[in-house]
Amino acid sequence: MNSSEIKTKIKFKKIILSAISALLFVCVLLISFGKDIGIPTWNNIFSLCGIYADLGDDLSLSFINVGSADACYITCHGKNILIDAGESADFNKISAYLKRNGCTHFDALIVSHPDSDHIGGMSDVIENFGADEVYINNLPKELVPDTDEYKNFVNSVKENKVKCIDPKSVSKFAVGDLNFDFISPTKTYDNVNDSSLVVKITYKENSFLFTGDISYKVEEDLINSNIELKADVLKVAHHGSKTSSSQQFLEAVSPQISVVSVGSNDRALPDYNTMARINACSNELYRTDKDKTVVITSDGKNLSVQTHA
């Protein structure tokens, strides 16, 4: 091979390497910033390889992507709590997420209210993971649902001897380093949504407010009470519905981070005007139809967010 051929070969290799480098650079850019146009994220790619986010030993809250339903997995220093469990059809997705993050048993379960999109998967959670206790509002007889999901939940609680607690009898409790304060309902409402448990969780300097499916009416009652509503993180009420998240309530909570659990195929939710109000009152706004499972971690002072978990 003469010198001219060697130079040509070297030049060709350089061109190939440059092309590969450019292609890799473009791929990195797309994966890092292309989630809004459907490009798989790093979390998606790592998950395919069996590598998942490390939730760590401090507090983490995983707002699991269950469409227009609710399910939040909370873990802190080995303690596990679940607030709502989506529809019954969501259990496999919830179970897979719990298992890959090392959850084998729950210290406490919280059912905000017995609508199917909140209580649906709870019986399967109890059957497959077990729990020490479950918190659920003792509704007036006329509001108790006559649904399979609710009946299955009641049967699972009884059969597995899970301690069932009405928060009206114990408004505050602690699980490890987490403090839970049920701030609503403080009176009887005439519908299931407004009877949702509203719970404020405190971990060191950080606070998190879960609002179930309450409406303006309950928000107004909370504003008129002497309860401190300010919270770092807000789980937005009723999937961003137009009947919730009033301007006054959002200003009272003044969240740093807001999370909306909503389905990508839901044409009614979230409401545009509601989302505009939330966006104006929050430093950061996440929604599970776009950001998929949202994980918020706390060291007791600083918060960080991971999407597409």
Protein backbone atom coordinates (compact mmCIF):
# COMPACT_ATOMS: atom_id res chain seq x y z
CA MET A 1 0.00 0.00 0.00
CA ASN A 2 1.55 3.28 -1.10
CA SER A 3 1.57 6.50 0.91
CA SER A 4 -1.35 7.95 -1.05
CA GLU A 5 -3.54 4.95 -0.24
CA ILE A 6 -2.56 5.11 3.44
CA LYS A 7 -3.48 8.81 3.60
CA THR A 8 -6.81 8.10 1.91
CA LYS A 9 -7.55 5.30 4.38
CA ILE A 10 -6.69 7.48 7.38
CA LYS A 11 -8.82 10.30 6.01
CA PHE A 12 -11.74 7.90 5.51
CA LYS A 13 -11.44 6.63 9.12
CA LYS A 14 -11.46 10.21 10.40
CA ILE A 15 -14.63 10.93 8.43
CA ILE A 16 -16.32 7.80 9.83
CA LEU A 17 -15.30 8.65 13.42
CA SER A 18 -16.50 12.23 13.00
CA ALA A 19 -19.84 11.01 11.64
CA ILE A 20 -20.26 8.56 14.55
CA SER A 21 -19.35 11.26 17.08
CA ALA A 22 -21.85 13.67 15.53
CA LEU A 23 -24.56 10.99 15.56
CA LEU A 24 -23.89 10.17 19.22
CA PHE A 25 -23.99 13.87 20.09
CA VAL A 26 -27.37 14.26 18.38
CA CYS A 27 -28.69 11.15 20.17
CA VAL A 28 -27.57 12.51 23.54
CA LEU A 29 -29.29 15.83 22.84
CA LEU A 30 -32.52 14.11 21.76
CA ILE A 31 -32.61 11.80 24.79
CA SER A 32 -31.82 14.64 27.18
CA PHE A 33 -34.27 17.20 25.79
CA GLY A 34 -36.68 15.38 23.49
CA LYS A 35 -39.24 13.94 25.93
CA ASP A 36 -41.92 16.39 24.75
CA ILE A 37 -41.80 14.93 21.23
CA GLY A 38 -41.91 11.31 22.39
CA ILE A 39 -38.17 10.51 22.43
CA PRO A 40 -37.29 7.92 25.14
CA THR A 41 -35.60 9.49 28.16
CA TRP A 42 -32.50 8.27 29.99
CA ASN A 43 -34.80 6.83 32.66
CA ASN A 44 -36.65 4.84 29.98
CA ILE A 45 -33.38 3.50 28.59
CA PHE A 46 -31.95 2.66 32.04
CA SER A 47 -35.21 0.91 32.94
CA LEU A 48 -34.93 -1.33 29.88
CA CYS A 49 -31.51 -2.36 31.20
CA GLY A 50 -32.91 -3.07 34.66
CA ILE A 51 -31.44 0.08 36.20
CA TYR A 52 -33.84 2.21 38.25
CA ALA A 53 -33.69 5.44 40.22
CA ASP A 54 -32.30 5.05 43.71
CA LEU A 55 -34.92 6.51 46.05
CA GLY A 56 -32.27 6.69 48.76
CA ASP A 57 -32.62 6.69 52.54
CA ASP A 58 -34.18 10.15 52.85
CA LEU A 59 -37.76 10.98 51.97
CA SER A 60 -39.10 10.30 48.49
CA LEU A 61 -42.60 10.69 47.12
CA SER A 62 -43.42 8.91 43.87
CA PHE A 63 -46.53 10.20 42.13
CA ILE A 64 -47.08 7.10 40.05
CA ASN A 65 -48.45 7.59 36.54
CA VAL A 66 -51.90 6.03 36.77
CA GLY A 67 -53.72 8.36 34.40
CA SER A 68 -56.68 10.27 35.82
CA ALA A 69 -56.39 8.42 39.10
CA ASP A 70 -54.19 8.86 42.17
CA ALA A 71 -51.39 6.79 43.70
CA CYS A 72 -48.45 8.16 45.66
CA TYR A 73 -45.78 5.90 47.15
CA ILE A 74 -43.87 7.46 50.02
CA THR A 75 -40.74 5.96 51.55
CA CYS A 76 -38.50 7.36 54.27
CA HIS A 77 -35.74 5.58 56.18
CA GLY A 78 -37.22 2.16 55.51
CA LYS A 79 -40.83 3.14 56.21
CA ASN A 80 -43.41 2.73 53.42
CA ILE A 81 -46.72 4.55 52.97
CA LEU A 82 -49.19 4.59 50.08
CA ILE A 83 -51.78 7.31 49.53
CA ASP A 84 -54.48 5.96 47.19
CA ALA A 85 -54.00 3.13 44.72
CA GLY A 86 -55.53 4.11 41.40
CA GLU A 87 -58.10 2.00 39.57
CA SER A 88 -58.12 -1.78 40.01
CA ALA A 89 -56.61 -2.08 36.51
CA ASP A 90 -53.64 0.02 37.66
CA PHE A 91 -52.44 -2.49 40.25
CA ASN A 92 -49.93 -4.28 38.01
CA LYS A 93 -48.26 -0.97 37.15
CA ILE A 94 -48.21 0.09 40.80
CA SER A 95 -46.97 -3.31 41.95
CA ALA A 96 -44.12 -3.35 39.42
CA TYR A 97 -43.00 0.10 40.55
CA LEU A 98 -43.15 -0.85 44.24
CA LYS A 99 -41.23 -4.08 43.75
CA ARG A 100 -38.43 -2.59 41.72
CA ASN A 101 -37.98 0.03 44.44
CA GLY A 102 -37.74 -2.59 47.17
CA CYS A 103 -41.13 -2.21 48.84
CA THR A 104 -42.33 -5.43 50.49
CA HIS A 105 -44.76 -4.17 53.16
CA PHE A 106 -46.61 -1.00 54.11
CA ASP A 107 -46.48 0.66 57.49
CA ALA A 108 -49.58 2.69 56.60
CA LEU A 109 -52.11 3.09 53.82
CA ILE A 110 -54.25 6.20 53.33
CA VAL A 111 -57.44 6.17 51.27
CA SER A 112 -58.41 9.75 50.51
CA HIS A 113 -61.95 8.67 49.58
CA PRO A 114 -63.60 5.53 48.16
CA ASP A 115 -64.05 6.53 44.51
CA SER A 116 -62.79 3.78 42.21
CA ASP A 117 -59.89 5.88 40.88
CA HIS A 118 -58.48 6.15 44.41
CA ILE A 119 -59.45 2.91 46.14
CA GLY A 120 -59.54 0.56 43.13
CA GLY A 121 -56.14 -1.06 43.56
CA MET A 122 -56.04 -0.93 47.36
CA SER A 123 -57.41 -4.43 47.98
CA ASP A 124 -54.70 -5.93 45.75
CA VAL A 125 -52.08 -3.85 47.56
CA ILE A 126 -53.24 -5.29 50.88
CA GLU A 127 -53.37 -8.85 49.52
CA ASN A 128 -49.92 -8.70 47.89
CA PHE A 129 -47.92 -6.41 50.18
CA GLY A 130 -49.76 -6.30 53.49
CA ALA A 131 -50.11 -3.30 55.77
CA ASP A 132 -50.08 -2.51 59.47
CA GLU A 133 -52.89 0.04 59.32
CA VAL A 134 -55.15 1.88 56.92
CA TYR A 135 -56.67 5.33 57.35
CA ILE A 136 -60.06 5.99 55.73
CA ASN A 137 -62.89 8.39 56.51
CA ASN A 138 -65.96 6.79 58.09
CA LEU A 139 -68.60 8.17 55.73
CA PRO A 140 -72.30 8.62 56.46
CA LYS A 141 -74.27 5.56 55.34
CA GLU A 142 -75.82 7.37 52.37
CA LEU A 143 -72.36 8.18 50.95
CA VAL A 144 -70.84 4.72 51.30
CA PRO A 145 -70.40 3.39 47.72
CA ASP A 146 -72.01 0.15 46.60
CA THR A 147 -69.15 -0.81 44.32
CA ASP A 148 -67.03 -3.93 43.87
CA GLU A 149 -63.88 -1.90 44.52
CA TYR A 150 -65.11 -0.72 47.90
CA LYS A 151 -66.43 -4.16 48.88
CA ASN A 152 -63.15 -5.80 47.89
CA PHE A 153 -61.26 -3.25 49.97
CA VAL A 154 -63.42 -3.89 53.06
CA ASN A 155 -63.03 -7.66 52.67
CA SER A 156 -59.25 -7.40 52.27
CA VAL A 157 -58.95 -5.26 55.40
CA LYS A 158 -60.95 -7.80 57.42
CA GLU A 159 -59.34 -10.94 56.02
CA ASN A 160 -55.79 -9.63 56.46
CA LYS A 161 -56.56 -8.13 59.88
CA VAL A 162 -55.35 -4.66 58.92
CA LYS A 163 -56.08 -2.07 61.60
CA CYS A 164 -58.64 0.35 60.15
CA ILE A 165 -58.53 3.88 61.59
CA ASP A 166 -60.95 6.76 61.13
CA PRO A 167 -58.82 9.96 61.20
CA LYS A 168 -61.53 11.71 63.19
CA SER A 169 -60.44 9.60 66.14
CA VAL A 170 -56.74 10.35 65.66
CA SER A 171 -56.05 13.49 63.63
CA LYS A 172 -52.27 13.16 63.89
CA PHE A 173 -49.89 10.24 63.70
CA ALA A 174 -46.26 9.54 62.88
CA VAL A 175 -44.49 6.89 60.83
CA GLY A 176 -40.80 6.99 61.59
CA ASP A 177 -39.59 10.53 60.86
CA LEU A 178 -42.77 11.51 59.03
CA ASN A 179 -45.59 13.41 60.74
CA PHE A 180 -49.11 13.20 59.32
CA ASP A 181 -51.84 15.72 60.13
CA PHE A 182 -55.38 15.18 58.83
CA ILE A 183 -56.80 18.68 58.40
CA SER A 184 -60.09 17.82 56.65
CA PRO A 185 -62.87 16.91 56.81
CA THR A 186 -63.71 18.68 60.05
CA LYS A 187 -67.44 18.50 59.35
CA THR A 188 -69.89 16.41 57.35
CA TYR A 189 -70.18 17.13 53.64
CA ASP A 190 -72.93 15.95 51.33
CA ASN A 191 -70.73 14.26 48.72
CA VAL A 192 -67.82 11.84 48.63
CA ASN A 193 -65.31 14.17 46.96
CA ASP A 194 -65.67 16.90 49.58
CA SER A 195 -65.38 14.21 52.25
CA SER A 196 -61.84 13.44 51.02
CA LEU A 197 -59.12 13.19 53.61
CA VAL A 198 -56.80 16.17 53.32
CA VAL A 199 -53.47 15.33 54.92
CA LYS A 200 -50.39 17.43 55.51
CA ILE A 201 -47.11 15.56 55.83
CA THR A 202 -44.09 17.13 57.50
CA TYR A 203 -40.50 15.95 57.23
CA LYS A 204 -38.03 18.20 59.06
CA GLU A 205 -38.31 21.58 57.26
CA ASN A 206 -40.41 20.34 54.33
CA SER A 207 -44.18 19.93 54.09
CA PHE A 208 -46.46 18.21 51.59
CA LEU A 209 -50.21 18.72 51.17
CA PHE A 210 -52.48 16.01 49.72
CA THR A 211 -55.98 17.18 48.85
CA GLY A 212 -57.91 14.21 47.45
CA ASP A 213 -60.78 15.45 45.29
CA ILE A 214 -61.98 18.40 47.38
CA SER A 215 -63.80 21.33 45.77
CA TYR A 216 -63.83 25.09 46.28
CA LYS A 217 -66.27 24.61 49.18
CA VAL A 218 -63.78 22.65 51.29
CA GLU A 219 -60.91 24.88 50.22
CA GLU A 220 -62.87 27.87 51.51
CA ASP A 221 -63.53 26.09 54.82
CA LEU A 222 -59.81 25.38 55.18
CA ILE A 223 -58.91 28.98 54.39
CA ASN A 224 -61.37 30.22 57.05
CA SER A 225 -59.93 27.86 59.66
CA ASN A 226 -56.81 28.52 61.70
CA ILE A 227 -54.93 25.72 59.95
CA GLU A 228 -51.55 26.50 58.40
CA LEU A 229 -51.96 25.57 54.74
CA LYS A 230 -48.53 26.65 53.50
CA ALA A 231 -46.73 23.68 51.97
CA ASP A 232 -43.67 23.10 49.79
CA VAL A 233 -45.43 20.50 47.64
CA LEU A 234 -49.10 20.35 46.63
CA LYS A 235 -50.84 17.29 45.23
CA VAL A 236 -53.40 19.18 43.18
CA ALA A 237 -57.03 18.39 44.00
CA HIS A 238 -59.30 16.42 41.68
CA HIS A 239 -56.81 15.99 38.84
CA GLY A 240 -56.82 19.68 37.97
CA SER A 241 -60.61 19.94 37.75
CA LYS A 242 -62.35 23.30 37.24
CA THR A 243 -64.16 22.75 40.57
CA SER A 244 -60.94 22.89 42.62
CA SER A 245 -57.75 24.90 43.15
CA SER A 246 -59.21 28.35 43.74
CA GLN A 247 -56.91 31.34 43.56
CA GLN A 248 -57.28 31.99 47.29
CA PHE A 249 -56.47 28.40 48.19
CA LEU A 250 -53.40 28.28 45.96
CA GLU A 251 -52.15 31.55 47.43
CA ALA A 252 -52.62 30.16 50.95
CA VAL A 253 -50.66 27.00 50.12
CA SER A 254 -48.12 28.86 47.96
CA PRO A 255 -46.40 25.63 46.83
CA GLN A 256 -42.91 25.47 45.46
CA ILE A 257 -43.90 22.35 43.50
CA SER A 258 -47.36 21.23 42.32
CA VAL A 259 -48.19 17.80 40.89
CA VAL A 260 -51.30 16.93 38.88
CA SER A 261 -52.23 13.28 38.35
CA VAL A 262 -54.06 13.17 35.03
CA GLY A 263 -54.45 10.93 31.99
CA SER A 264 -53.16 11.77 28.53
CA ASN A 265 -56.44 10.72 26.90
CA ASP A 266 -58.67 12.65 29.28
CA ARG A 267 -60.33 15.48 27.33
CA ALA A 268 -62.01 17.05 30.37
CA LEU A 269 -58.98 17.14 32.65
CA PRO A 270 -57.03 19.10 33.54
CA ASP A 271 -58.99 22.32 33.15
CA TYR A 272 -57.06 25.01 31.24
CA ASN A 273 -57.91 27.89 33.57
CA THR A 274 -57.16 25.81 36.64
CA MET A 275 -53.76 24.89 35.27
CA ALA A 276 -53.05 28.56 34.53
CA ARG A 277 -53.79 29.46 38.17
CA ILE A 278 -51.63 26.63 39.49
CA ASN A 279 -48.77 27.53 37.16
CA ALA A 280 -48.90 31.16 38.33
CA CYS A 281 -48.77 30.15 42.01
CA SER A 282 -46.11 27.42 41.76
CA ASN A 283 -42.43 27.62 40.97
CA GLU A 284 -42.66 24.22 39.29
CA LEU A 285 -45.65 22.33 37.87
CA TYR A 286 -45.61 18.67 36.89
CA ARG A 287 -48.36 16.50 35.41
CA THR A 288 -48.28 12.75 34.95
CA ASP A 289 -49.72 12.81 31.42
CA LYS A 290 -46.61 14.64 30.23
CA ASP A 291 -43.97 13.93 32.89
CA LYS A 292 -45.10 10.36 33.69
CA THR A 293 -44.15 9.17 37.19
CA VAL A 294 -42.86 12.15 39.16
CA VAL A 295 -40.46 11.54 42.06
CA ILE A 296 -39.78 14.26 44.61
CA THR A 297 -36.97 13.66 47.08
CA SER A 298 -36.12 15.61 50.22
CA ASP A 299 -33.23 15.67 52.65
CA GLY A 300 -35.45 17.56 55.06
CA LYS A 301 -34.60 20.95 53.60
CA ASN A 302 -33.87 20.73 49.88
CA LEU A 303 -36.20 19.27 47.28
CA SER A 304 -35.32 17.70 43.95
CA VAL A 305 -37.54 16.34 41.18
CA GLN A 306 -37.12 13.49 38.73
CA THR A 307 -39.62 12.82 35.95
CA HIS A 308 -40.24 9.77 33.77
CA ALA A 309 -39.16 7.58 36.70
